[in-house]
Protein backbone atom coordinates (compact mmCIF):
# COMPACT_ATOMS: atom_id res chain seq x y z
CA MET A 1 10.36 -21.30 34.26
CA VAL A 2 12.25 -20.23 31.16
CA ASP A 3 15.58 -21.28 32.63
CA GLU A 4 14.16 -24.76 33.29
CA ALA A 5 12.44 -25.15 29.91
CA VAL A 6 13.54 -27.65 27.29
CA ALA A 7 15.80 -26.01 24.65
CA PHE A 8 14.15 -25.29 21.29
CA PRO A 9 16.32 -27.76 19.28
CA ASP A 10 15.29 -30.50 21.72
CA VAL A 11 11.63 -29.50 21.38
CA VAL A 12 11.97 -29.73 17.58
CA GLY A 13 13.22 -33.30 17.95
CA ILE A 14 10.40 -34.21 20.35
CA MET A 15 7.79 -32.64 18.06
CA ASP A 16 9.16 -34.37 14.96
CA GLU A 17 9.19 -37.71 16.76
CA TRP A 18 5.60 -37.20 17.98
CA LEU A 19 4.36 -36.20 14.53
CA GLY A 20 6.12 -39.04 12.77
CA GLN A 21 6.07 -39.09 8.98
CA PRO A 22 3.15 -36.91 7.87
CA ALA A 23 0.99 -38.21 5.05
CA THR A 24 1.38 -36.75 1.58
CA GLY A 25 -0.66 -33.58 1.40
CA PHE A 26 -0.40 -32.97 5.17
CA VAL A 27 -1.66 -29.51 6.15
CA TRP A 28 -1.41 -27.96 9.59
CA ALA A 29 -3.71 -25.19 10.70
CA GLY A 30 -3.81 -22.36 13.17
CA TRP A 31 -5.87 -19.32 14.03
CA GLY A 32 -3.74 -16.75 12.24
CA SER A 33 -0.05 -16.90 11.45
CA TYR A 34 1.37 -16.08 14.87
CA ALA A 35 2.60 -19.57 15.78
CA ARG A 36 3.94 -20.30 12.29
CA LEU A 37 5.90 -17.04 12.17
CA HIS A 38 7.39 -17.50 15.63
CA ILE A 39 8.34 -21.13 15.04
CA SER A 40 9.95 -20.10 11.75
CA ALA A 41 11.88 -17.20 13.32
CA GLN A 42 13.16 -19.31 16.21
CA SER A 43 14.08 -22.10 13.81
CA MET A 44 16.28 -19.73 11.82
CA ARG A 45 17.77 -18.28 14.99
CA VAL A 46 18.95 -21.63 16.35
CA ASP A 47 19.23 -23.59 13.07
CA ALA A 48 16.69 -26.25 14.08
CA GLN A 49 13.68 -26.49 11.80
CA PRO A 50 10.77 -28.77 12.66
CA THR A 51 9.47 -30.93 9.83
CA ILE A 52 6.07 -29.26 10.07
CA LEU A 53 7.45 -26.00 8.64
CA SER A 54 7.99 -27.68 5.29
CA ASP A 55 4.25 -28.48 5.07
CA LEU A 56 1.42 -26.19 4.06
CA HIS A 57 -0.02 -24.02 6.86
CA LEU A 58 -3.71 -23.16 6.77
CA ASN A 59 -4.63 -19.79 8.29
CA ARG A 60 -8.15 -20.45 9.58
CA LYS A 61 -8.64 -16.81 10.62
CA ARG A 62 -8.13 -15.64 7.04
CA ILE A 63 -10.58 -18.25 5.72
CA TRP A 64 -13.15 -17.27 8.36
CA ARG A 65 -12.87 -13.59 7.47
CA ARG A 66 -13.22 -14.28 3.75
CA THR A 67 -16.22 -16.57 4.16
CA THR A 68 -18.07 -14.33 6.64
CA GLY A 69 -17.04 -10.94 5.27
CA GLN A 70 -15.83 -10.04 8.76
CA LYS A 71 -13.42 -7.09 8.76
CA LYS A 72 -12.76 -6.72 12.50
CA LYS A 73 -9.80 -8.39 14.11
CA ASN A 74 -11.61 -11.01 16.16
CA GLY A 75 -10.28 -13.93 18.09
CA LEU A 76 -11.30 -17.56 17.83
CA ALA A 77 -13.78 -17.25 20.71
CA ILE A 78 -15.84 -14.66 18.81
CA ALA A 79 -15.68 -16.63 15.56
């Protein structure tokens, strides 16, 4: 499957085209920082940065922990 996958620089182009021009103040969110960190690392590795990385990323897991006082490392399903 990996050998047949679309190359990361091509995926960046597809994603940027799909997203279009984000509105001023655009924020993207995820449960934790895993996706953001991996997209950033791969972007540096192949010199192809998606537009979304220049926008603010909201870590919903961190917000959930702070608002609930939860200390355990829980996934989205438990939250």
